[in-house]
mmCIF file of all heavy atoms, coordinates in Angstrom:
data_MODEL
# 
_entry.id   MODEL 
# 
loop_
_atom_site.group_PDB 
_atom_site.id 
_atom_site.type_symbol 
_atom_site.label_atom_id 
_atom_site.label_alt_id 
_atom_site.label_comp_id 
_atom_site.label_asym_id 
_atom_site.label_entity_id 
_atom_site.label_seq_id 
_atom_site.pdbx_PDB_ins_code 
_atom_site.Cartn_x 
_atom_site.Cartn_y 
_atom_site.Cartn_z 
_atom_site.occupancy 
_atom_site.B_iso_or_equiv 
_atom_site.pdbx_formal_charge 
_atom_site.auth_seq_id 
_atom_site.auth_comp_id 
_atom_site.auth_asym_id 
_atom_site.auth_atom_id 
_atom_site.pdbx_PDB_model_num 
ATOM 1   N N   . GLY A 1 1  ? 102.341 282.180 -61.651 1.00 0.00 ? 1  GLY A N   1 
ATOM 2   C CA  . GLY A 1 1  ? 102.386 281.180 -62.708 1.00 0.00 ? 1  GLY A CA  1 
ATOM 3   C C   . GLY A 1 1  ? 103.469 280.194 -62.552 1.00 0.00 ? 1  GLY A C   1 
ATOM 4   O O   . GLY A 1 1  ? 104.171 279.862 -63.556 1.00 0.00 ? 1  GLY A O   1 
ATOM 5   N N   . HIS A 1 2  ? 103.651 279.667 -61.295 1.00 0.00 ? 2  HIS A N   1 
ATOM 6   C CA  . HIS A 1 2  ? 104.693 278.646 -61.078 1.00 0.00 ? 2  HIS A CA  1 
ATOM 7   C C   . HIS A 1 2  ? 104.074 277.324 -60.525 1.00 0.00 ? 2  HIS A C   1 
ATOM 8   O O   . HIS A 1 2  ? 102.981 277.357 -59.964 1.00 0.00 ? 2  HIS A O   1 
ATOM 9   C CB  . HIS A 1 2  ? 105.695 279.145 -59.929 1.00 0.00 ? 2  HIS A CB  1 
ATOM 10  C CG  . HIS A 1 2  ? 106.406 280.400 -60.331 1.00 0.00 ? 2  HIS A CG  1 
ATOM 11  N ND1 . HIS A 1 2  ? 106.823 281.300 -59.496 1.00 0.00 ? 2  HIS A ND1 1 
ATOM 12  C CD2 . HIS A 1 2  ? 106.782 280.886 -61.586 1.00 0.00 ? 2  HIS A CD2 1 
ATOM 13  C CE1 . HIS A 1 2  ? 107.468 282.308 -60.139 1.00 0.00 ? 2  HIS A CE1 1 
ATOM 14  N NE2 . HIS A 1 2  ? 107.392 282.000 -61.372 1.00 0.00 ? 2  HIS A NE2 1 
ATOM 15  N N   . LEU A 1 3  ? 104.734 276.284 -60.755 1.00 0.00 ? 3  LEU A N   1 
ATOM 16  C CA  . LEU A 1 3  ? 104.385 275.000 -60.127 1.00 0.00 ? 3  LEU A CA  1 
ATOM 17  C C   . LEU A 1 3  ? 105.632 274.539 -59.259 1.00 0.00 ? 3  LEU A C   1 
ATOM 18  O O   . LEU A 1 3  ? 106.718 274.409 -59.834 1.00 0.00 ? 3  LEU A O   1 
ATOM 19  C CB  . LEU A 1 3  ? 104.019 273.983 -61.217 1.00 0.00 ? 3  LEU A CB  1 
ATOM 20  C CG  . LEU A 1 3  ? 102.696 274.252 -61.907 1.00 0.00 ? 3  LEU A CG  1 
ATOM 21  C CD1 . LEU A 1 3  ? 102.630 273.216 -63.063 1.00 0.00 ? 3  LEU A CD1 1 
ATOM 22  C CD2 . LEU A 1 3  ? 101.511 274.093 -61.012 1.00 0.00 ? 3  LEU A CD2 1 
ATOM 23  N N   . LEU A 1 4  ? 105.330 274.209 -58.059 1.00 0.00 ? 4  LEU A N   1 
ATOM 24  C CA  . LEU A 1 4  ? 106.425 273.619 -57.171 1.00 0.00 ? 4  LEU A CA  1 
ATOM 25  C C   . LEU A 1 4  ? 106.153 272.223 -57.022 1.00 0.00 ? 4  LEU A C   1 
ATOM 26  O O   . LEU A 1 4  ? 105.063 271.791 -56.440 1.00 0.00 ? 4  LEU A O   1 
ATOM 27  C CB  . LEU A 1 4  ? 106.410 274.386 -55.827 1.00 0.00 ? 4  LEU A CB  1 
ATOM 28  C CG  . LEU A 1 4  ? 107.416 273.833 -54.821 1.00 0.00 ? 4  LEU A CG  1 
ATOM 29  C CD1 . LEU A 1 4  ? 108.880 273.876 -55.331 1.00 0.00 ? 4  LEU A CD1 1 
ATOM 30  C CD2 . LEU A 1 4  ? 107.335 274.496 -53.499 1.00 0.00 ? 4  LEU A CD2 1 
ATOM 31  N N   . GLN A 1 5  ? 107.036 271.313 -57.512 1.00 0.00 ? 5  GLN A N   1 
ATOM 32  C CA  . GLN A 1 5  ? 106.795 269.923 -57.367 1.00 0.00 ? 5  GLN A CA  1 
ATOM 33  C C   . GLN A 1 5  ? 107.802 269.317 -56.389 1.00 0.00 ? 5  GLN A C   1 
ATOM 34  O O   . GLN A 1 5  ? 109.075 269.619 -56.527 1.00 0.00 ? 5  GLN A O   1 
ATOM 35  C CB  . GLN A 1 5  ? 106.986 269.175 -58.735 1.00 0.00 ? 5  GLN A CB  1 
ATOM 36  C CG  . GLN A 1 5  ? 105.928 269.581 -59.745 1.00 0.00 ? 5  GLN A CG  1 
ATOM 37  C CD  . GLN A 1 5  ? 106.253 269.057 -61.147 1.00 0.00 ? 5  GLN A CD  1 
ATOM 38  O OE1 . GLN A 1 5  ? 106.770 269.750 -61.933 1.00 0.00 ? 5  GLN A OE1 1 
ATOM 39  N NE2 . GLN A 1 5  ? 105.776 267.806 -61.400 1.00 0.00 ? 5  GLN A NE2 1 
ATOM 40  N N   . LEU A 1 6  ? 107.377 268.532 -55.373 1.00 0.00 ? 6  LEU A N   1 
ATOM 41  C CA  . LEU A 1 6  ? 108.247 268.051 -54.444 1.00 0.00 ? 6  LEU A CA  1 
ATOM 42  C C   . LEU A 1 6  ? 108.113 266.548 -54.316 1.00 0.00 ? 6  LEU A C   1 
ATOM 43  O O   . LEU A 1 6  ? 106.958 266.054 -54.371 1.00 0.00 ? 6  LEU A O   1 
ATOM 44  C CB  . LEU A 1 6  ? 107.943 268.618 -53.057 1.00 0.00 ? 6  LEU A CB  1 
ATOM 45  C CG  . LEU A 1 6  ? 107.834 270.177 -53.022 1.00 0.00 ? 6  LEU A CG  1 
ATOM 46  C CD1 . LEU A 1 6  ? 106.346 270.539 -52.810 1.00 0.00 ? 6  LEU A CD1 1 
ATOM 47  C CD2 . LEU A 1 6  ? 108.656 270.769 -51.834 1.00 0.00 ? 6  LEU A CD2 1 
ATOM 48  N N   . THR A 1 7  ? 109.196 265.825 -54.221 1.00 0.00 ? 7  THR A N   1 
ATOM 49  C CA  . THR A 1 7  ? 109.098 264.381 -53.993 1.00 0.00 ? 7  THR A CA  1 
ATOM 50  C C   . THR A 1 7  ? 109.828 264.028 -52.645 1.00 0.00 ? 7  THR A C   1 
ATOM 51  O O   . THR A 1 7  ? 110.863 264.619 -52.318 1.00 0.00 ? 7  THR A O   1 
ATOM 52  C CB  . THR A 1 7  ? 109.642 263.618 -55.151 1.00 0.00 ? 7  THR A CB  1 
ATOM 53  O OG1 . THR A 1 7  ? 109.249 262.213 -54.993 1.00 0.00 ? 7  THR A OG1 1 
ATOM 54  C CG2 . THR A 1 7  ? 111.087 263.654 -55.319 1.00 0.00 ? 7  THR A CG2 1 
ATOM 55  N N   . GLY A 1 8  ? 109.267 263.007 -51.930 1.00 0.00 ? 8  GLY A N   1 
ATOM 56  C CA  . GLY A 1 8  ? 109.864 262.555 -50.741 1.00 0.00 ? 8  GLY A CA  1 
ATOM 57  C C   . GLY A 1 8  ? 109.090 261.413 -50.117 1.00 0.00 ? 8  GLY A C   1 
ATOM 58  O O   . GLY A 1 8  ? 108.596 260.636 -50.695 1.00 0.00 ? 8  GLY A O   1 
ATOM 59  N N   . ARG A 1 9  ? 109.016 261.490 -48.677 1.00 0.00 ? 9  ARG A N   1 
ATOM 60  C CA  . ARG A 1 9  ? 108.332 260.462 -48.034 1.00 0.00 ? 9  ARG A CA  1 
ATOM 61  C C   . ARG A 1 9  ? 107.304 261.163 -46.918 1.00 0.00 ? 9  ARG A C   1 
ATOM 62  O O   . ARG A 1 9  ? 107.629 262.170 -46.403 1.00 0.00 ? 9  ARG A O   1 
ATOM 63  C CB  . ARG A 1 9  ? 109.356 259.515 -47.380 1.00 0.00 ? 9  ARG A CB  1 
ATOM 64  C CG  . ARG A 1 9  ? 110.142 258.743 -48.323 1.00 0.00 ? 9  ARG A CG  1 
ATOM 65  C CD  . ARG A 1 9  ? 111.051 257.698 -47.555 1.00 0.00 ? 9  ARG A CD  1 
ATOM 66  N NE  . ARG A 1 9  ? 111.702 256.839 -48.588 1.00 0.00 ? 9  ARG A NE  1 
ATOM 67  C CZ  . ARG A 1 9  ? 111.269 255.794 -49.016 1.00 0.00 ? 9  ARG A CZ  1 
ATOM 68  N NH1 . ARG A 1 9  ? 110.186 255.158 -48.582 1.00 0.00 ? 9  ARG A NH1 1 
ATOM 69  N NH2 . ARG A 1 9  ? 112.033 255.031 -49.973 1.00 0.00 ? 9  ARG A NH2 1 
ATOM 70  N N   . ALA A 1 10 ? 106.164 260.370 -46.815 1.00 0.00 ? 10 ALA A N   1 
ATOM 71  C CA  . ALA A 1 10 ? 105.220 260.992 -45.992 1.00 0.00 ? 10 ALA A CA  1 
ATOM 72  C C   . ALA A 1 10 ? 104.934 260.029 -44.716 1.00 0.00 ? 10 ALA A C   1 
ATOM 73  O O   . ALA A 1 10 ? 105.012 258.740 -44.856 1.00 0.00 ? 10 ALA A O   1 
ATOM 74  C CB  . ALA A 1 10 ? 103.863 261.054 -46.799 1.00 0.00 ? 10 ALA A CB  1 
ATOM 75  N N   . THR A 1 11 ? 104.658 260.637 -43.601 1.00 0.00 ? 11 THR A N   1 
ATOM 76  C CA  . THR A 1 11 ? 104.284 259.918 -42.419 1.00 0.00 ? 11 THR A CA  1 
ATOM 77  C C   . THR A 1 11 ? 103.014 260.487 -41.850 1.00 0.00 ? 11 THR A C   1 
ATOM 78  O O   . THR A 1 11 ? 102.950 261.687 -41.665 1.00 0.00 ? 11 THR A O   1 
ATOM 79  C CB  . THR A 1 11 ? 105.402 260.048 -41.360 1.00 0.00 ? 11 THR A CB  1 
ATOM 80  O OG1 . THR A 1 11 ? 106.672 259.610 -41.966 1.00 0.00 ? 11 THR A OG1 1 
ATOM 81  C CG2 . THR A 1 11 ? 105.158 259.196 -40.129 1.00 0.00 ? 11 THR A CG2 1 
ATOM 82  N N   . VAL A 1 12 ? 102.146 259.577 -41.503 1.00 0.00 ? 12 VAL A N   1 
ATOM 83  C CA  . VAL A 1 12 ? 100.825 260.002 -40.860 1.00 0.00 ? 12 VAL A CA  1 
ATOM 84  C C   . VAL A 1 12 ? 101.018 260.033 -39.319 1.00 0.00 ? 12 VAL A C   1 
ATOM 85  O O   . VAL A 1 12 ? 101.546 259.111 -38.816 1.00 0.00 ? 12 VAL A O   1 
ATOM 86  C CB  . VAL A 1 12 ? 99.662  259.113 -41.214 1.00 0.00 ? 12 VAL A CB  1 
ATOM 87  C CG1 . VAL A 1 12 ? 98.391  259.623 -40.629 1.00 0.00 ? 12 VAL A CG1 1 
ATOM 88  C CG2 . VAL A 1 12 ? 99.583  259.042 -42.758 1.00 0.00 ? 12 VAL A CG2 1 
ATOM 89  N N   . LEU A 1 13 ? 100.611 261.098 -38.724 1.00 0.00 ? 13 LEU A N   1 
ATOM 90  C CA  . LEU A 1 13 ? 100.692 261.305 -37.285 1.00 0.00 ? 13 LEU A CA  1 
ATOM 91  C C   . LEU A 1 13 ? 99.182  261.267 -36.736 1.00 0.00 ? 13 LEU A C   1 
ATOM 92  O O   . LEU A 1 13 ? 98.350  262.059 -37.033 1.00 0.00 ? 13 LEU A O   1 
ATOM 93  C CB  . LEU A 1 13 ? 101.257 262.694 -36.956 1.00 0.00 ? 13 LEU A CB  1 
ATOM 94  C CG  . LEU A 1 13 ? 102.671 262.929 -37.558 1.00 0.00 ? 13 LEU A CG  1 
ATOM 95  C CD1 . LEU A 1 13 ? 103.130 264.276 -37.312 1.00 0.00 ? 13 LEU A CD1 1 
ATOM 96  C CD2 . LEU A 1 13 ? 103.692 261.927 -37.200 1.00 0.00 ? 13 LEU A CD2 1 
ATOM 97  N N   . TRP A 1 14 ? 98.944  260.281 -35.903 1.00 0.00 ? 14 TRP A N   1 
ATOM 98  C CA  . TRP A 1 14 ? 97.563  260.037 -35.324 1.00 0.00 ? 14 TRP A CA  1 
ATOM 99  C C   . TRP A 1 14 ? 97.505  260.546 -33.967 1.00 0.00 ? 14 TRP A C   1 
ATOM 100 O O   . TRP A 1 14 ? 98.443  260.526 -33.131 1.00 0.00 ? 14 TRP A O   1 
ATOM 101 C CB  . TRP A 1 14 ? 97.294  258.519 -35.340 1.00 0.00 ? 14 TRP A CB  1 
ATOM 102 C CG  . TRP A 1 14 ? 97.270  257.928 -36.657 1.00 0.00 ? 14 TRP A CG  1 
ATOM 103 C CD1 . TRP A 1 14 ? 98.276  257.354 -37.351 1.00 0.00 ? 14 TRP A CD1 1 
ATOM 104 C CD2 . TRP A 1 14 ? 96.104  257.811 -37.519 1.00 0.00 ? 14 TRP A CD2 1 
ATOM 105 N NE1 . TRP A 1 14 ? 97.918  256.918 -38.507 1.00 0.00 ? 14 TRP A NE1 1 
ATOM 106 C CE2 . TRP A 1 14 ? 96.531  257.098 -38.628 1.00 0.00 ? 14 TRP A CE2 1 
ATOM 107 C CE3 . TRP A 1 14 ? 94.790  258.118 -37.381 1.00 0.00 ? 14 TRP A CE3 1 
ATOM 108 C CZ2 . TRP A 1 14 ? 95.661  256.826 -39.683 1.00 0.00 ? 14 TRP A CZ2 1 
ATOM 109 C CZ3 . TRP A 1 14 ? 93.914  257.844 -38.439 1.00 0.00 ? 14 TRP A CZ3 1 
ATOM 110 C CH2 . TRP A 1 14 ? 94.381  257.232 -39.525 1.00 0.00 ? 14 TRP A CH2 1 
ATOM 111 N N   . ASN A 1 15 ? 96.293  261.045 -33.551 1.00 0.00 ? 15 ASN A N   1 
ATOM 112 C CA  . ASN A 1 15 ? 95.921  261.395 -32.201 1.00 0.00 ? 15 ASN A CA  1 
ATOM 113 C C   . ASN A 1 15 ? 96.862  262.379 -31.617 1.00 0.00 ? 15 ASN A C   1 
ATOM 114 O O   . ASN A 1 15 ? 97.411  262.296 -30.504 1.00 0.00 ? 15 ASN A O   1 
ATOM 115 C CB  . ASN A 1 15 ? 95.892  260.135 -31.251 1.00 0.00 ? 15 ASN A CB  1 
ATOM 116 C CG  . ASN A 1 15 ? 94.954  259.123 -31.841 1.00 0.00 ? 15 ASN A CG  1 
ATOM 117 O OD1 . ASN A 1 15 ? 93.825  259.506 -32.243 1.00 0.00 ? 15 ASN A OD1 1 
ATOM 118 N ND2 . ASN A 1 15 ? 95.292  257.880 -31.755 1.00 0.00 ? 15 ASN A ND2 1 
ATOM 119 N N   . GLN A 1 16 ? 97.218  263.457 -32.402 1.00 0.00 ? 16 GLN A N   1 
ATOM 120 C CA  . GLN A 1 16 ? 98.163  264.486 -31.963 1.00 0.00 ? 16 GLN A CA  1 
ATOM 121 C C   . GLN A 1 16 ? 97.463  265.533 -31.143 1.00 0.00 ? 16 GLN A C   1 
ATOM 122 O O   . GLN A 1 16 ? 96.217  265.835 -31.329 1.00 0.00 ? 16 GLN A O   1 
ATOM 123 C CB  . GLN A 1 16 ? 98.751  265.137 -33.137 1.00 0.00 ? 16 GLN A CB  1 
ATOM 124 C CG  . GLN A 1 16 ? 99.637  264.221 -34.114 1.00 0.00 ? 16 GLN A CG  1 
ATOM 125 C CD  . GLN A 1 16 ? 100.750 263.724 -33.415 1.00 0.00 ? 16 GLN A CD  1 
ATOM 126 O OE1 . GLN A 1 16 ? 101.681 264.413 -33.010 1.00 0.00 ? 16 GLN A OE1 1 
ATOM 127 N NE2 . GLN A 1 16 ? 100.896 262.456 -33.170 1.00 0.00 ? 16 GLN A NE2 1 
ATOM 128 N N   . ASP A 1 17 ? 98.104  266.017 -30.189 1.00 0.00 ? 17 ASP A N   1 
ATOM 129 C CA  . ASP A 1 17 ? 97.659  267.150 -29.413 1.00 0.00 ? 17 ASP A CA  1 
ATOM 130 C C   . ASP A 1 17 ? 97.437  268.336 -30.408 1.00 0.00 ? 17 ASP A C   1 
ATOM 131 O O   . ASP A 1 17 ? 98.384  268.658 -31.107 1.00 0.00 ? 17 ASP A O   1 
ATOM 132 C CB  . ASP A 1 17 ? 98.677  267.576 -28.302 1.00 0.00 ? 17 ASP A CB  1 
ATOM 133 C CG  . ASP A 1 17 ? 98.142  268.725 -27.462 1.00 0.00 ? 17 ASP A CG  1 
ATOM 134 O OD1 . ASP A 1 17 ? 96.877  268.721 -27.168 1.00 0.00 ? 17 ASP A OD1 1 
ATOM 135 O OD2 . ASP A 1 17 ? 98.962  269.522 -27.050 1.00 0.00 ? 17 ASP A OD2 1 
ATOM 136 N N   . ASP A 1 18 ? 96.219  268.891 -30.350 1.00 0.00 ? 18 ASP A N   1 
ATOM 137 C CA  . ASP A 1 18 ? 95.892  269.900 -31.422 1.00 0.00 ? 18 ASP A CA  1 
ATOM 138 C C   . ASP A 1 18 ? 95.116  271.085 -30.697 1.00 0.00 ? 18 ASP A C   1 
ATOM 139 O O   . ASP A 1 18 ? 94.022  271.371 -30.912 1.00 0.00 ? 18 ASP A O   1 
ATOM 140 C CB  . ASP A 1 18 ? 94.996  269.272 -32.433 1.00 0.00 ? 18 ASP A CB  1 
ATOM 141 C CG  . ASP A 1 18 ? 94.677  270.261 -33.640 1.00 0.00 ? 18 ASP A CG  1 
ATOM 142 O OD1 . ASP A 1 18 ? 95.365  271.199 -33.800 1.00 0.00 ? 18 ASP A OD1 1 
ATOM 143 O OD2 . ASP A 1 18 ? 93.718  269.877 -34.395 1.00 0.00 ? 18 ASP A OD2 1 
ATOM 144 N N   . PRO A 1 19 ? 95.817  271.876 -29.811 1.00 0.00 ? 19 PRO A N   1 
ATOM 145 C CA  . PRO A 1 19 ? 95.239  272.964 -29.010 1.00 0.00 ? 19 PRO A CA  1 
ATOM 146 C C   . PRO A 1 19 ? 94.588  273.980 -29.929 1.00 0.00 ? 19 PRO A C   1 
ATOM 147 O O   . PRO A 1 19 ? 93.659  274.723 -29.566 1.00 0.00 ? 19 PRO A O   1 
ATOM 148 C CB  . PRO A 1 19 ? 96.296  273.502 -28.149 1.00 0.00 ? 19 PRO A CB  1 
ATOM 149 C CG  . PRO A 1 19 ? 97.590  273.068 -28.808 1.00 0.00 ? 19 PRO A CG  1 
ATOM 150 C CD  . PRO A 1 19 ? 97.332  271.769 -29.440 1.00 0.00 ? 19 PRO A CD  1 
ATOM 151 N N   . ALA A 1 20 ? 95.236  274.307 -31.091 1.00 0.00 ? 20 ALA A N   1 
ATOM 152 C CA  . ALA A 1 20 ? 94.663  275.249 -32.042 1.00 0.00 ? 20 ALA A CA  1 
ATOM 153 C C   . ALA A 1 20 ? 93.639  274.821 -32.942 1.00 0.00 ? 20 ALA A C   1 
ATOM 154 O O   . ALA A 1 20 ? 93.080  275.509 -33.715 1.00 0.00 ? 20 ALA A O   1 
ATOM 155 C CB  . ALA A 1 20 ? 95.864  275.803 -32.923 1.00 0.00 ? 20 ALA A CB  1 
ATOM 156 N N   . ASN A 1 21 ? 93.209  273.502 -32.739 1.00 0.00 ? 21 ASN A N   1 
ATOM 157 C CA  . ASN A 1 21 ? 92.144  272.850 -33.584 1.00 0.00 ? 21 ASN A CA  1 
ATOM 158 C C   . ASN A 1 21 ? 92.409  272.977 -35.029 1.00 0.00 ? 21 ASN A C   1 
ATOM 159 O O   . ASN A 1 21 ? 91.536  273.268 -35.850 1.00 0.00 ? 21 ASN A O   1 
ATOM 160 C CB  . ASN A 1 21 ? 90.746  273.574 -33.218 1.00 0.00 ? 21 ASN A CB  1 
ATOM 161 C CG  . ASN A 1 21 ? 89.567  272.651 -33.757 1.00 0.00 ? 21 ASN A CG  1 
ATOM 162 O OD1 . ASN A 1 21 ? 89.722  271.479 -33.781 1.00 0.00 ? 21 ASN A OD1 1 
ATOM 163 N ND2 . ASN A 1 21 ? 88.523  273.371 -34.038 1.00 0.00 ? 21 ASN A ND2 1 
ATOM 164 N N   . GLU A 1 22 ? 93.605  272.767 -35.408 1.00 0.00 ? 22 GLU A N   1 
ATOM 165 C CA  . GLU A 1 22 ? 94.072  272.767 -36.782 1.00 0.00 ? 22 GLU A CA  1 
ATOM 166 C C   . GLU A 1 22 ? 93.366  271.765 -37.627 1.00 0.00 ? 22 GLU A C   1 
ATOM 167 O O   . GLU A 1 22 ? 93.238  271.987 -38.885 1.00 0.00 ? 22 GLU A O   1 
ATOM 168 C CB  . GLU A 1 22 ? 95.550  272.773 -36.893 1.00 0.00 ? 22 GLU A CB  1 
ATOM 169 C CG  . GLU A 1 22 ? 96.322  273.996 -36.434 1.00 0.00 ? 22 GLU A CG  1 
ATOM 170 C CD  . GLU A 1 22 ? 97.755  273.790 -36.685 1.00 0.00 ? 22 GLU A CD  1 
ATOM 171 O OE1 . GLU A 1 22 ? 98.292  274.103 -37.780 1.00 0.00 ? 22 GLU A OE1 1 
ATOM 172 O OE2 . GLU A 1 22 ? 98.506  273.356 -35.748 1.00 0.00 ? 22 GLU A OE2 1 
ATOM 173 N N   . THR A 1 23 ? 93.001  270.689 -36.991 1.00 0.00 ? 23 THR A N   1 
ATOM 174 C CA  . THR A 1 23 ? 92.516  269.497 -37.798 1.00 0.00 ? 23 THR A CA  1 
ATOM 175 C C   . THR A 1 23 ? 90.977  269.390 -37.791 1.00 0.00 ? 23 THR A C   1 
ATOM 176 O O   . THR A 1 23 ? 90.428  268.480 -38.240 1.00 0.00 ? 23 THR A O   1 
ATOM 177 C CB  . THR A 1 23 ? 93.126  268.227 -37.367 1.00 0.00 ? 23 THR A CB  1 
ATOM 178 O OG1 . THR A 1 23 ? 92.729  267.931 -36.004 1.00 0.00 ? 23 THR A OG1 1 
ATOM 179 C CG2 . THR A 1 23 ? 94.637  268.305 -37.427 1.00 0.00 ? 23 THR A CG2 1 
ATOM 180 N N   . GLY A 1 24 ? 90.339  270.319 -37.059 1.00 0.00 ? 24 GLY A N   1 
ATOM 181 C CA  . GLY A 1 24 ? 88.779  270.279 -36.965 1.00 0.00 ? 24 GLY A CA  1 
ATOM 182 C C   . GLY A 1 24 ? 88.489  269.076 -36.114 1.00 0.00 ? 24 GLY A C   1 
ATOM 183 O O   . GLY A 1 24 ? 87.306  268.566 -36.176 1.00 0.00 ? 24 GLY A O   1 
ATOM 184 N N   . GLY A 1 25 ? 89.254  268.642 -35.118 1.00 0.00 ? 25 GLY A N   1 
ATOM 185 C CA  . GLY A 1 25 ? 88.992  267.654 -34.262 1.00 0.00 ? 25 GLY A CA  1 
ATOM 186 C C   . GLY A 1 25 ? 89.527  266.281 -34.489 1.00 0.00 ? 25 GLY A C   1 
ATOM 187 O O   . GLY A 1 25 ? 89.374  265.314 -33.712 1.00 0.00 ? 25 GLY A O   1 
ATOM 188 N N   . THR A 1 26 ? 90.174  265.994 -35.702 1.00 0.00 ? 26 THR A N   1 
ATOM 189 C CA  . THR A 1 26 ? 90.649  264.689 -36.017 1.00 0.00 ? 26 THR A CA  1 
ATOM 190 C C   . THR A 1 26 ? 91.907  264.290 -35.275 1.00 0.00 ? 26 THR A C   1 
ATOM 191 O O   . THR A 1 26 ? 92.174  263.180 -35.068 1.00 0.00 ? 26 THR A O   1 
ATOM 192 C CB  . THR A 1 26 ? 90.874  264.563 -37.489 1.00 0.00 ? 26 THR A CB  1 
ATOM 193 O OG1 . THR A 1 26 ? 92.050  265.310 -37.900 1.00 0.00 ? 26 THR A OG1 1 
ATOM 194 C CG2 . THR A 1 26 ? 89.754  264.958 -38.345 1.00 0.00 ? 26 THR A CG2 1 
ATOM 195 N N   . GLY A 1 27 ? 92.708  265.380 -34.962 1.00 0.00 ? 27 GLY A N   1 
ATOM 196 C CA  . GLY A 1 27 ? 94.071  264.989 -34.375 1.00 0.00 ? 27 GLY A CA  1 
ATOM 197 C C   . GLY A 1 27 ? 94.954  264.376 -35.299 1.00 0.00 ? 27 GLY A C   1 
ATOM 198 O O   . GLY A 1 27 ? 96.082  263.846 -34.973 1.00 0.00 ? 27 GLY A O   1 
ATOM 199 N N   . ARG A 1 28 ? 94.663  264.466 -36.677 1.00 0.00 ? 28 ARG A N   1 
ATOM 200 C CA  . ARG A 1 28 ? 95.492  263.782 -37.630 1.00 0.00 ? 28 ARG A CA  1 
ATOM 201 C C   . ARG A 1 28 ? 96.313  264.851 -38.361 1.00 0.00 ? 28 ARG A C   1 
ATOM 202 O O   . ARG A 1 28 ? 95.772  265.870 -38.840 1.00 0.00 ? 28 ARG A O   1 
ATOM 203 C CB  . ARG A 1 28 ? 94.745  263.014 -38.648 1.00 0.00 ? 28 ARG A CB  1 
ATOM 204 C CG  . ARG A 1 28 ? 94.062  261.763 -38.110 1.00 0.00 ? 28 ARG A CG  1 
ATOM 205 C CD  . ARG A 1 28 ? 93.471  260.904 -39.227 1.00 0.00 ? 28 ARG A CD  1 
ATOM 206 N NE  . ARG A 1 28 ? 92.531  261.618 -40.072 1.00 0.00 ? 28 ARG A NE  1 
ATOM 207 C CZ  . ARG A 1 28 ? 91.205  261.530 -39.903 1.00 0.00 ? 28 ARG A CZ  1 
ATOM 208 N NH1 . ARG A 1 28 ? 90.624  260.773 -39.033 1.00 0.00 ? 28 ARG A NH1 1 
ATOM 209 N NH2 . ARG A 1 28 ? 90.323  262.229 -40.660 1.00 0.00 ? 28 ARG A NH2 1 
ATOM 210 N N   . PHE A 1 29 ? 97.653  264.535 -38.690 1.00 0.00 ? 29 PHE A N   1 
ATOM 211 C CA  . PHE A 1 29 ? 98.544  265.367 -39.396 1.00 0.00 ? 29 PHE A CA  1 
ATOM 212 C C   . PHE A 1 29 ? 99.214  264.367 -40.335 1.00 0.00 ? 29 PHE A C   1 
ATOM 213 O O   . PHE A 1 29 ? 99.348  263.229 -39.997 1.00 0.00 ? 29 PHE A O   1 
ATOM 214 C CB  . PHE A 1 29 ? 99.465  266.256 -38.721 1.00 0.00 ? 29 PHE A CB  1 
ATOM 215 C CG  . PHE A 1 29 ? 98.834  267.304 -37.787 1.00 0.00 ? 29 PHE A CG  1 
ATOM 216 C CD1 . PHE A 1 29 ? 98.395  266.989 -36.461 1.00 0.00 ? 29 PHE A CD1 1 
ATOM 217 C CD2 . PHE A 1 29 ? 98.811  268.620 -38.273 1.00 0.00 ? 29 PHE A CD2 1 
ATOM 218 C CE1 . PHE A 1 29 ? 97.778  267.962 -35.745 1.00 0.00 ? 29 PHE A CE1 1 
ATOM 219 C CE2 . PHE A 1 29 ? 98.305  269.614 -37.439 1.00 0.00 ? 29 PHE A CE2 1 
ATOM 220 C CZ  . PHE A 1 29 ? 97.765  269.197 -36.281 1.00 0.00 ? 29 PHE A CZ  1 
# 
């Protein structure tokens, strides 16, 4: 029954090496 709210800054990472296939093939994080 908790809500964790975070504020900050976001950066998109394109065409990343993804050997564990975490992105389903997009290479985006």
